[in-house]
Amino acid sequence: MMKISIKMYLFSCLLLISHYDVLCVDPNTVIGVISAFNGPYAIAITPDGTTGYVINLDDQTVSVFDIATNALIQTIAGFNQPAAIAITPDGTTAYVANQGGSPNTVSIIDLAINTVTGVVTDTDTTFRQPAGIAITPDGTTAYVTNFSSGYGVSIIDISSNIVTGTVTDTDFPFNQSYYIAITPDGLTAYVANNNTNTVSVIDTVANEVTGTVIDTDETIRSPFGIAITPDGLTAYVANNTSNTVSVIDTVANEVTGTVIDTDETINSPFGIAILPDGGTAYVTNRSGNTVSIVFIMSAIESPGSINLAALSNIFLTQTDLINRVSWTAPTTGVAPVAYRLYRNSGLTELIAQVSANIFVYDDHNRIIGRSYSYYIVSVDEDNNVSSPISGTIINNG
């Protein structure tokens, strides 16, 4: 891989924190490895992207590491065959699914002190070897997968830490279900089924299974870990027996690719987590006791906001009515190289394309009293475009 001096943020280049260079790599490529774990299973990252938590099954602990330095900073004990971990959206609490013990439980960690402070016990015994856990973006609900076939997905009310229900699937039953991930809008959950090489899709409003991702090319093999990018468009699935990570398009619910690992650091992958900026994923490797770092590159994001102002210039007997359109840059994702402005929602009536350092456009010679709608998209250097932001204005002179 070639390093070049930094001049601008390029689509295919990852800024290295340790020095002022840019490392140019392809998306979905392994770029590093963290060692010194003990049977790493699941992994979770705090919402601020500063700290990672890794489940160590072999010594029944949780390792804490610093994202900036990739250095281990602490170990938390007090679990019973821990298998999975999830962190609340406010970053204060982690939940750990314990496959051991009778009855099975979910441990609660206070992240301010990195100490176990309580457990969730299911009085209806729907916990059966709990293997995965995910928390909704609003922080109200946790979903716990059960490895034992036929026991579905348990639902925990976070405010009371009580199990309130179960998601079942009669058409295509959960089968040795492991990890679970929830889309950023909180509407959909994806569950990796280890025994059937499939991913179940759950509607979290109805708490019903609405579909199954079946990979006809059979790249999904013994799936364990699953994580979703912050834009909700892509899911990454860790395949334990094939030592790969599959890429799923969550719009079509189809497998679209595989992570490239030329150094073969991915070895019996179990867990996967993605940084809040969507640019990097961490994959735990059961064999080798390591965590692989994957450069995935987040999708192009929409502009941050739009503002419309009605102006006019008077030249003797002629008046030029102007609609001033301004916007802000996206705060996450790939840096745009340009913005495009349209007058219709179908994005076919192009007004202008401006470079990424321009955030205002004056639309001249408008007609008094007429309503005008504007749609703006971000554009990356590969000509990918974001979803549009829009606004409407009437210029009355």
Protein backbone atom coordinates (compact mmCIF):
# COMPACT_ATOMS: atom_id res chain seq x y z
CA MET A 1 0.00 0.00 0.00
CA MET A 2 1.35 3.44 -0.93
CA LYS A 3 1.41 6.45 1.37
CA ILE A 4 1.16 9.94 -0.09
CA SER A 5 1.28 13.39 1.46
CA ILE A 6 -2.13 14.64 2.48
CA LYS A 7 -3.64 17.30 0.21
CA MET A 8 -7.35 16.55 0.49
CA TYR A 9 -9.64 13.85 1.77
CA LEU A 10 -10.07 11.38 -1.10
CA PHE A 11 -12.85 8.83 -1.45
CA SER A 12 -10.50 5.85 -1.30
CA CYS A 13 -8.07 7.17 1.28
CA LEU A 14 -8.11 6.70 5.05
CA LEU A 15 -6.65 9.41 7.27
CA LEU A 16 -4.19 7.87 9.74
CA ILE A 17 -4.37 9.48 13.17
CA SER A 18 -0.78 8.57 14.08
CA HIS A 19 0.81 10.66 11.34
CA TYR A 20 -0.21 13.13 8.65
CA ASP A 21 -0.29 10.75 5.76
CA VAL A 22 -3.09 9.20 3.79
CA LEU A 23 -3.25 5.46 3.29
CA CYS A 24 -4.98 4.68 0.01
CA VAL A 25 -6.91 1.41 0.16
CA ASP A 26 -9.97 -0.13 -1.40
CA PRO A 27 -13.18 -0.18 0.63
CA ASN A 28 -13.99 -3.43 2.45
CA THR A 29 -10.31 -4.19 3.04
CA VAL A 30 -8.54 -5.31 6.22
CA ILE A 31 -5.97 -2.69 7.26
CA GLY A 32 -4.78 -3.85 10.70
CA VAL A 33 -4.97 -6.29 13.60
CA ILE A 34 -5.26 -5.95 17.40
CA SER A 35 -3.91 -8.84 19.49
CA ALA A 36 -4.03 -10.03 23.14
CA PHE A 37 -7.61 -11.28 23.50
CA ASN A 38 -8.71 -14.64 24.91
CA GLY A 39 -11.30 -16.35 22.76
CA PRO A 40 -12.85 -13.13 21.42
CA TYR A 41 -16.52 -13.42 20.57
CA ALA A 42 -18.63 -10.27 20.33
CA ILE A 43 -17.56 -6.64 20.15
CA ALA A 44 -19.34 -3.33 20.80
CA ILE A 45 -18.19 0.28 20.40
CA THR A 46 -19.35 3.25 22.45
CA PRO A 47 -21.59 5.78 20.64
CA ASP A 48 -18.83 8.41 20.76
CA GLY A 49 -16.48 6.01 18.94
CA THR A 50 -13.72 6.19 21.56
CA THR A 51 -13.83 2.78 23.25
CA GLY A 52 -14.31 -0.84 22.23
CA TYR A 53 -15.54 -3.72 24.39
CA VAL A 54 -14.66 -7.32 23.44
CA ILE A 55 -16.17 -10.48 24.94
CA ASN A 56 -13.51 -13.06 25.89
CA LEU A 57 -15.28 -16.41 26.15
CA ASP A 58 -12.24 -18.43 27.25
CA ASP A 59 -11.60 -16.48 30.48
CA GLN A 60 -15.19 -15.13 30.78
CA THR A 61 -14.19 -11.45 30.76
CA VAL A 62 -14.69 -8.30 28.72
CA SER A 63 -11.64 -6.48 27.37
CA VAL A 64 -11.75 -2.69 27.04
CA PHE A 65 -9.58 -1.04 24.39
CA ASP A 66 -8.94 2.51 23.23
CA ILE A 67 -10.04 3.08 19.60
CA ALA A 68 -7.48 5.83 18.91
CA THR A 69 -4.48 3.75 19.99
CA ASN A 70 -5.92 0.21 19.73
CA ALA A 71 -4.40 -0.43 23.17
CA LEU A 72 -6.08 -2.57 25.85
CA ILE A 73 -6.87 -0.47 28.91
CA GLN A 74 -8.95 -2.65 31.24
CA THR A 75 -10.55 -6.07 31.82
CA ILE A 76 -13.99 -6.59 33.36
CA ALA A 77 -14.87 -9.86 35.15
CA GLY A 78 -18.07 -11.34 36.60
CA PHE A 79 -19.77 -13.19 33.73
CA ASN A 80 -20.94 -16.75 33.02
CA GLN A 81 -19.93 -17.89 29.55
CA PRO A 82 -20.49 -14.43 28.04
CA ALA A 83 -21.34 -14.46 24.34
CA ALA A 84 -22.54 -11.01 23.28
CA ILE A 85 -22.51 -7.35 24.29
CA ALA A 86 -24.51 -4.23 23.38
CA ILE A 87 -24.22 -0.62 24.57
CA THR A 88 -27.08 1.80 25.18
CA PRO A 89 -27.30 4.83 22.86
CA ASP A 90 -26.38 7.20 25.70
CA GLY A 91 -23.14 5.27 26.27
CA THR A 92 -23.75 4.72 29.97
CA THR A 93 -24.59 1.01 30.13
CA ALA A 94 -23.66 -2.26 28.45
CA TYR A 95 -25.64 -5.50 28.42
CA VAL A 96 -23.87 -8.87 28.20
CA ALA A 97 -25.66 -12.10 27.25
CA ASN A 98 -24.50 -15.06 29.39
CA GLN A 99 -24.91 -18.52 27.88
CA GLY A 100 -23.94 -20.24 31.13
CA GLY A 101 -25.77 -20.53 34.42
CA SER A 102 -29.24 -21.71 35.36
CA PRO A 103 -31.27 -19.75 34.63
CA ASN A 104 -29.46 -17.89 31.88
CA THR A 105 -29.06 -14.14 32.44
CA VAL A 106 -28.00 -10.84 30.89
CA SER A 107 -25.42 -8.88 32.90
CA ILE A 108 -25.57 -5.09 33.21
CA ILE A 109 -22.31 -3.06 33.16
CA ASP A 110 -22.02 0.53 34.40
CA LEU A 111 -19.59 1.95 31.82
CA ALA A 112 -18.62 4.88 34.04
CA ILE A 113 -16.84 2.43 36.33
CA ASN A 114 -16.68 -0.62 34.01
CA THR A 115 -18.24 -2.85 36.65
CA VAL A 116 -21.13 -5.35 36.59
CA THR A 117 -23.94 -3.80 38.63
CA GLY A 118 -26.91 -6.13 37.99
CA VAL A 119 -28.51 -8.89 35.90
CA VAL A 120 -31.67 -9.43 33.88
CA THR A 121 -33.29 -12.77 34.72
CA ASP A 122 -36.18 -14.07 32.65
CA THR A 123 -38.86 -15.54 34.93
CA ASP A 124 -40.63 -17.11 31.93
CA THR A 125 -37.37 -18.86 30.95
CA THR A 126 -37.42 -17.68 27.33
CA PHE A 127 -33.64 -17.23 27.65
CA ARG A 128 -32.10 -20.39 26.20
CA GLN A 129 -28.35 -19.96 25.74
CA PRO A 130 -28.67 -16.23 24.95
CA ALA A 131 -26.14 -15.59 22.22
CA GLY A 132 -26.73 -12.12 20.79
CA ILE A 133 -28.06 -8.79 21.95
CA ALA A 134 -28.89 -5.44 20.33
CA ILE A 135 -30.52 -2.27 21.65
CA THR A 136 -32.89 -0.03 19.73
CA PRO A 137 -31.63 3.47 18.83
CA ASP A 138 -34.10 5.08 21.24
CA GLY A 139 -32.64 3.04 24.10
CA THR A 140 -35.97 1.57 25.18
CA THR A 141 -35.68 -2.06 24.11
CA ALA A 142 -33.11 -4.83 23.89
CA TYR A 143 -33.47 -7.89 21.67
CA VAL A 144 -31.74 -11.09 22.80
CA THR A 145 -31.24 -14.04 20.45
CA ASN A 146 -31.32 -17.57 21.85
CA PHE A 147 -28.92 -20.14 20.44
CA SER A 148 -31.23 -23.04 21.31
CA SER A 149 -33.41 -23.65 18.25
CA GLY A 150 -37.09 -22.83 18.57
CA TYR A 151 -36.81 -20.24 21.33
CA GLY A 152 -36.92 -17.14 19.15
CA VAL A 153 -35.72 -13.68 20.17
CA SER A 154 -36.46 -12.37 23.68
CA ILE A 155 -37.50 -8.72 24.18
CA ILE A 156 -36.26 -6.72 27.20
CA ASP A 157 -37.80 -3.46 28.39
CA ILE A 158 -34.70 -1.40 29.27
CA SER A 159 -36.47 0.85 31.78
CA SER A 160 -37.51 -2.07 33.97
CA ASN A 161 -34.98 -4.70 32.80
CA ILE A 162 -37.81 -7.18 32.44
CA VAL A 163 -38.43 -9.57 29.53
CA THR A 164 -41.75 -8.55 27.97
CA GLY A 165 -42.13 -10.82 24.94
CA THR A 166 -40.62 -13.03 22.26
CA VAL A 167 -40.29 -12.84 18.47
CA THR A 168 -40.92 -16.22 16.82
CA ASP A 169 -40.85 -17.34 13.20
CA THR A 170 -43.04 -20.25 12.13
CA ASP A 171 -42.25 -20.01 8.40
CA PHE A 172 -38.46 -20.09 8.62
CA PRO A 173 -37.57 -20.72 12.27
CA PHE A 174 -34.56 -19.17 13.95
CA ASN A 175 -31.89 -21.86 13.99
CA GLN A 176 -28.88 -21.52 16.28
CA SER A 177 -29.29 -17.76 16.11
CA TYR A 178 -26.30 -15.72 17.14
CA TYR A 179 -25.78 -12.01 16.79
CA ILE A 180 -28.40 -9.40 16.00
CA ALA A 181 -28.19 -5.82 14.68
CA ILE A 182 -30.81 -3.07 14.43
CA THR A 183 -31.01 -0.42 11.71
CA PRO A 184 -30.42 3.22 12.72
CA ASP A 185 -34.12 4.05 12.27
CA GLY A 186 -34.99 1.29 14.74
CA LEU A 187 -37.52 -0.32 12.41
CA THR A 188 -35.66 -3.47 11.38
CA ALA A 189 -33.46 -6.08 13.05
CA TYR A 190 -31.22 -8.62 11.34
CA VAL A 191 -30.44 -11.98 12.98
CA ALA A 192 -27.62 -14.30 11.89
CA ASN A 193 -28.74 -17.95 11.85
CA ASN A 194 -25.63 -20.07 12.22
CA ASN A 195 -27.14 -23.45 11.33
CA THR A 196 -29.01 -22.45 8.17
CA ASN A 197 -26.54 -19.92 6.70
CA THR A 198 -29.27 -17.28 6.57
CA VAL A 199 -30.13 -13.89 8.06
CA SER A 200 -33.66 -13.31 9.40
CA VAL A 201 -35.29 -9.87 9.00
CA ILE A 202 -37.51 -8.64 11.87
CA ASP A 203 -40.02 -5.80 11.78
CA THR A 204 -39.43 -4.30 15.25
CA VAL A 205 -42.74 -2.42 15.25
CA ALA A 206 -44.83 -5.56 14.81
CA ASN A 207 -42.11 -7.82 16.28
CA GLU A 208 -42.57 -10.22 13.39
CA VAL A 209 -40.18 -11.85 10.95
CA THR A 210 -40.81 -10.35 7.50
CA GLY A 211 -38.12 -12.00 5.40
CA THR A 212 -34.92 -14.00 5.16
CA VAL A 213 -31.65 -13.19 3.41
CA ILE A 214 -30.53 -16.35 1.59
CA ASP A 215 -27.24 -16.11 -0.26
CA THR A 216 -27.48 -18.11 -3.48
CA ASP A 217 -23.71 -17.88 -3.98
CA GLU A 218 -23.24 -19.44 -0.52
CA THR A 219 -20.75 -16.85 0.73
CA ILE A 220 -22.65 -16.79 4.03
CA ARG A 221 -21.27 -19.77 5.94
CA SER A 222 -22.00 -20.27 9.65
CA PRO A 223 -22.81 -16.59 10.22
CA PHE A 224 -22.23 -15.26 13.73
CA GLY A 225 -21.61 -11.52 13.91
CA ILE A 226 -23.66 -8.85 12.15
CA ALA A 227 -23.43 -5.04 12.13
CA ILE A 228 -25.13 -2.26 10.17
CA THR A 229 -23.57 0.95 8.87
CA PRO A 230 -24.82 4.25 10.35
CA ASP A 231 -26.65 5.11 7.11
CA GLY A 232 -28.60 1.84 7.41
CA LEU A 233 -27.83 0.83 3.83
CA THR A 234 -25.36 -2.00 4.44
CA ALA A 235 -25.00 -4.93 6.81
CA TYR A 236 -21.76 -6.82 7.41
CA VAL A 237 -21.92 -10.51 8.40
CA ALA A 238 -19.00 -12.44 9.94
CA ASN A 239 -18.85 -15.98 8.51
CA ASN A 240 -17.19 -18.33 10.96
CA THR A 241 -16.33 -21.33 8.76
CA SER A 242 -15.34 -19.47 5.60
CA ASN A 243 -13.20 -16.82 7.36
CA THR A 244 -14.95 -14.07 5.45
CA VAL A 245 -17.27 -11.11 5.99
CA SER A 246 -20.25 -10.82 3.63
CA VAL A 247 -21.74 -7.47 2.59
CA ILE A 248 -25.56 -7.18 2.44
CA ASP A 249 -27.55 -4.45 0.71
CA THR A 250 -30.32 -3.81 3.27
CA VAL A 251 -32.62 -2.21 0.69
CA ALA A 252 -32.71 -5.31 -1.52
CA ASN A 253 -31.73 -7.70 1.31
CA GLU A 254 -29.18 -9.30 -0.98
CA VAL A 255 -25.49 -10.17 -0.59
CA THR A 256 -23.45 -7.82 -2.77
CA GLY A 257 -19.82 -8.53 -1.86
CA THR A 258 -17.15 -9.87 0.46
CA VAL A 259 -14.48 -8.13 2.56
CA ILE A 260 -10.98 -8.51 1.12
CA ASP A 261 -8.34 -9.86 3.52
CA THR A 262 -5.16 -10.58 1.58
CA ASP A 263 -3.15 -11.21 4.76
CA GLU A 264 -5.73 -13.74 6.01
CA THR A 265 -6.02 -12.12 9.43
CA ILE A 266 -9.73 -12.97 9.58
CA ASN A 267 -9.78 -16.37 11.27
CA SER A 268 -13.00 -17.91 12.61
CA PRO A 269 -14.69 -14.49 12.83
CA PHE A 270 -17.43 -14.19 15.42
CA GLY A 271 -18.31 -10.56 16.19
CA ILE A 272 -18.34 -7.33 14.22
CA ALA A 273 -18.91 -3.67 15.13
CA ILE A 274 -18.76 -0.45 13.09
CA LEU A 275 -17.55 2.97 14.22
CA PRO A 276 -20.20 5.72 14.41
CA ASP A 277 -18.69 7.49 11.39
CA GLY A 278 -19.26 4.36 9.30
CA GLY A 279 -15.70 4.24 8.00
CA THR A 280 -14.20 1.36 9.98
CA ALA A 281 -15.35 -2.05 11.20
CA TYR A 282 -13.78 -4.30 13.86
CA VAL A 283 -14.01 -8.10 13.47
CA THR A 284 -13.23 -10.49 16.34
CA ASN A 285 -11.34 -13.65 15.40
CA ARG A 286 -11.99 -16.70 17.60
CA SER A 287 -8.89 -18.45 16.28
CA GLY A 288 -5.81 -16.28 16.75
CA ASN A 289 -7.28 -14.22 19.60
CA THR A 290 -7.22 -11.04 17.50
CA VAL A 291 -9.44 -8.29 16.16
CA SER A 292 -9.14 -7.35 12.47
CA ILE A 293 -9.67 -3.72 11.47
CA VAL A 294 -11.61 -3.25 8.21
CA PHE A 295 -11.75 -0.06 6.15
CA ILE A 296 -15.29 0.07 4.78
CA MET A 297 -15.87 3.75 3.85
CA SER A 298 -19.24 5.22 4.67
CA ALA A 299 -21.75 6.19 2.00
CA ILE A 300 -22.13 9.71 0.69
CA GLU A 301 -24.42 11.66 3.02
CA SER A 302 -27.00 14.33 2.25
CA PRO A 303 -26.21 18.02 2.88
CA GLY A 304 -26.86 18.98 6.49
CA SER A 305 -29.62 21.56 5.98
CA ILE A 306 -31.22 23.88 3.43
CA ASN A 307 -32.22 27.53 3.72
CA LEU A 308 -34.23 29.59 1.19
CA ALA A 309 -34.44 33.39 0.94
CA ALA A 310 -36.43 35.61 -1.45
CA LEU A 311 -34.40 38.56 -2.82
CA SER A 312 -34.81 41.15 -5.56
CA ASN A 313 -32.60 43.52 -7.54
CA ILE A 314 -34.12 46.59 -9.22
CA PHE A 315 -32.49 47.85 -12.43
CA LEU A 316 -34.32 51.02 -13.59
CA THR A 317 -37.67 49.62 -14.83
CA GLN A 318 -36.74 45.94 -14.50
CA THR A 319 -36.79 43.83 -11.33
CA ASP A 320 -34.81 40.60 -11.00
CA LEU A 321 -36.44 38.25 -8.50
CA ILE A 322 -33.88 35.92 -6.94
CA ASN A 323 -34.34 32.79 -4.88
CA ARG A 324 -31.20 32.31 -2.81
CA VAL A 325 -30.60 28.64 -1.93
CA SER A 326 -28.00 27.86 0.73
CA TRP A 327 -27.03 24.66 2.51
CA THR A 328 -24.50 23.12 4.86
CA ALA A 329 -22.03 20.28 4.35
CA PRO A 330 -22.81 16.78 5.66
CA THR A 331 -21.27 16.13 9.05
CA THR A 332 -20.52 12.41 8.49
CA GLY A 333 -19.60 10.04 5.70
CA VAL A 334 -17.57 10.63 2.56
CA ALA A 335 -16.55 14.21 1.85
CA PRO A 336 -18.48 15.45 -1.24
CA VAL A 337 -16.66 16.78 -4.28
CA ALA A 338 -19.73 18.66 -5.53
CA TYR A 339 -23.39 19.50 -4.95
CA ARG A 340 -26.21 19.34 -7.50
CA LEU A 341 -29.37 21.45 -7.39
CA TYR A 342 -32.63 20.36 -9.00
CA ARG A 343 -36.14 21.78 -9.30
CA ASN A 344 -38.01 18.47 -9.13
CA SER A 345 -38.16 15.49 -6.77
CA GLY A 346 -37.32 13.11 -9.61
CA LEU A 347 -33.94 14.87 -9.91
CA THR A 348 -34.24 15.30 -13.67
CA GLU A 349 -34.44 19.11 -13.89
CA LEU A 350 -30.85 20.08 -13.06
CA ILE A 351 -30.28 23.75 -12.23
CA ALA A 352 -26.59 23.70 -11.42
CA GLN A 353 -23.64 21.71 -10.11
CA VAL A 354 -21.21 23.53 -7.84
CA SER A 355 -17.94 22.48 -6.21
CA ALA A 356 -17.84 21.21 -2.64
CA ASN A 357 -16.55 24.51 -1.21
CA ILE A 358 -19.62 26.45 -2.38
CA PHE A 359 -22.77 26.44 -0.25
CA VAL A 360 -25.01 29.04 -1.93
CA TYR A 361 -26.71 29.44 -5.30
CA ASP A 362 -28.78 32.35 -6.61
CA ASP A 363 -31.62 31.36 -8.94
CA HIS A 364 -32.33 34.51 -10.99
CA ASN A 365 -35.32 35.79 -12.99
CA ARG A 366 -38.03 34.06 -11.01
CA ILE A 367 -41.72 34.86 -11.49
CA ILE A 368 -43.52 36.79 -8.75
CA GLY A 369 -45.95 34.76 -6.66
CA ARG A 370 -44.86 31.39 -8.03
CA SER A 371 -43.86 28.52 -5.74
CA TYR A 372 -40.42 26.99 -6.32
CA SER A 373 -39.07 23.76 -4.84
CA TYR A 374 -35.37 22.95 -4.67
CA TYR A 375 -33.63 19.60 -4.16
CA ILE A 376 -29.93 19.31 -3.30
CA VAL A 377 -27.73 16.19 -3.33
CA SER A 378 -24.11 15.57 -2.37
CA VAL A 379 -21.85 13.96 -4.99
CA ASP A 380 -18.68 11.93 -4.38
CA GLU A 381 -15.78 11.52 -6.77
CA ASP A 382 -17.21 8.26 -8.12
CA ASN A 383 -20.39 10.15 -9.06
CA ASN A 384 -22.44 8.50 -6.33
CA VAL A 385 -25.16 10.81 -5.02
CA SER A 386 -26.87 11.13 -1.66
CA SER A 387 -30.55 11.33 -0.90
CA PRO A 388 -31.84 14.87 -1.53
CA ILE A 389 -32.75 17.53 0.97
CA SER A 390 -35.48 19.92 -0.18
CA GLY A 391 -37.29 23.16 0.46
CA THR A 392 -40.00 25.35 -1.09
CA ILE A 393 -40.30 29.14 -1.38
CA ILE A 394 -42.62 31.77 -2.92
CA ASN A 395 -40.97 34.99 -4.08
CA ASN A 396 -43.44 37.86 -3.81
CA GLY A 397 -40.91 40.52 -4.70
